[in-house]
Protein backbone atom coordinates (compact mmCIF):
# COMPACT_ATOMS: atom_id res chain seq x y z
CA MET A 1 8.45 3.83 -6.59
CA PRO A 2 6.49 5.28 -9.18
CA ASN A 3 3.71 8.27 -8.20
CA ALA A 4 1.08 6.50 -10.00
CA PRO A 5 -1.59 5.48 -7.44
CA TYR A 6 -1.81 2.18 -9.55
CA ILE A 7 1.14 -0.04 -10.59
CA PRO A 8 0.66 -2.50 -13.65
CA LEU A 9 0.96 -6.14 -13.49
CA THR A 10 4.36 -6.99 -15.50
CA ALA A 11 2.83 -10.68 -16.65
CA ILE A 12 1.76 -9.52 -19.78
CA ASP A 13 3.29 -6.51 -21.81
CA CYS A 14 0.69 -4.20 -23.29
CA THR A 15 0.72 -0.50 -23.91
CA ILE A 16 -2.28 -0.03 -22.02
CA PRO A 17 -2.48 -2.47 -19.04
CA ALA A 18 -5.68 -3.20 -17.86
CA LEU A 19 -5.23 -4.96 -14.54
CA LEU A 20 -3.65 -2.88 -11.87
CA ILE A 21 -2.32 -3.35 -8.41
CA ASP A 22 -3.14 -0.07 -6.14
CA ARG A 23 -0.32 0.84 -4.55
CA ASN A 24 -1.85 2.25 -1.61
CA ALA A 25 -3.80 -1.01 -0.54
CA PRO A 26 -3.43 -1.80 2.95
CA LEU A 27 -0.41 -3.90 3.38
CA ASP A 28 -2.06 -7.08 4.59
CA VAL A 29 -4.66 -6.95 1.55
CA LEU A 30 -0.94 -6.64 -0.78
CA HIS A 31 0.31 -9.49 1.30
CA ALA A 32 -2.59 -11.74 0.95
CA ASN A 33 -3.21 -11.57 -2.52
CA ALA A 34 0.56 -12.09 -3.02
CA ALA A 35 0.11 -15.03 -0.79
CA ALA A 36 -2.81 -16.34 -2.76
CA ARG A 37 -1.12 -16.58 -5.98
CA VAL A 38 2.46 -18.01 -4.59
CA LEU A 39 0.04 -20.63 -2.75
CA ALA A 40 -2.07 -21.41 -6.08
CA VAL A 41 1.69 -22.25 -8.12
CA THR A 42 3.24 -24.14 -5.19
CA GLN A 43 -0.04 -26.57 -5.08
CA LEU A 44 0.22 -26.71 -8.55
CA MET A 45 4.04 -27.49 -8.83
CA GLU A 46 3.28 -30.32 -6.04
CA THR A 47 0.75 -32.06 -8.25
CA PHE A 48 3.15 -31.90 -11.01
CA ALA A 49 6.11 -33.36 -9.04
CA SER A 50 3.67 -36.14 -7.64
CA ARG A 51 2.79 -37.03 -10.82
CA ASP A 52 4.70 -39.20 -13.61
CA LEU A 53 4.61 -36.98 -16.74
CA GLU A 54 6.26 -39.11 -19.11
CA HIS A 55 3.48 -38.99 -21.28
CA ALA A 56 1.80 -35.78 -20.63
CA ASP A 57 0.11 -34.17 -23.35
CA GLN A 58 2.51 -31.58 -24.23
CA VAL A 59 -0.30 -28.70 -24.97
CA ASP A 60 -1.51 -29.23 -21.81
CA LEU A 61 2.09 -28.27 -19.68
CA LYS A 62 2.61 -25.45 -21.75
CA HIS A 63 -0.93 -23.93 -20.66
CA LEU A 64 -0.27 -25.32 -16.98
CA ALA A 65 3.37 -23.77 -17.28
CA THR A 66 1.99 -20.26 -18.49
CA THR A 67 -0.66 -20.10 -15.88
CA ALA A 68 2.13 -21.07 -13.13
CA MET A 69 4.21 -18.08 -14.67
CA LEU A 70 1.37 -15.64 -14.58
CA LEU A 71 0.56 -16.32 -11.19
CA LEU A 72 3.83 -16.06 -10.13
CA ARG A 73 4.71 -12.69 -11.89
CA ASP A 74 1.29 -11.28 -10.36
CA GLY A 75 2.78 -12.49 -6.79
CA CYS A 76 6.21 -10.88 -7.25
CA ASP A 77 4.34 -7.65 -8.52
CA LEU A 78 2.61 -7.28 -5.37
CA LEU A 79 5.37 -8.70 -3.69
CA ASP A 80 7.55 -5.51 -5.31
CA VAL A 81 4.68 -3.05 -3.94
CA LEU A 82 4.53 -4.31 -0.65
CA GLY A 83 8.10 -4.06 -0.44
CA TRP A 84 8.55 -0.18 -1.51
CA ARG A 85 5.72 -0.12 1.01
CA LEU A 86 7.64 -1.53 3.91
CA ARG A 87 10.81 0.48 2.82
CA PRO A 88 12.00 3.71 5.69
CA ALA A 89 11.06 6.60 3.79
């Protein structure tokens, strides 16, 4: 794990990251933030699964897929930091 106090989110590749994870945040806070993002994507996918998307607008589907990707990537980044913190030293 890097020594920097903040870890950039990786969903958007940029030279200067604007959104960061505090690697020293309490474990329950890291977990709650990861869980919220994963739950949001789960609910979005459940909505897709229960709908007929045969005539769905392609642009809207692209926007929804991008939203799901960003939330999942953020959740994975948070879970990575949580995992680093839980590993024995």
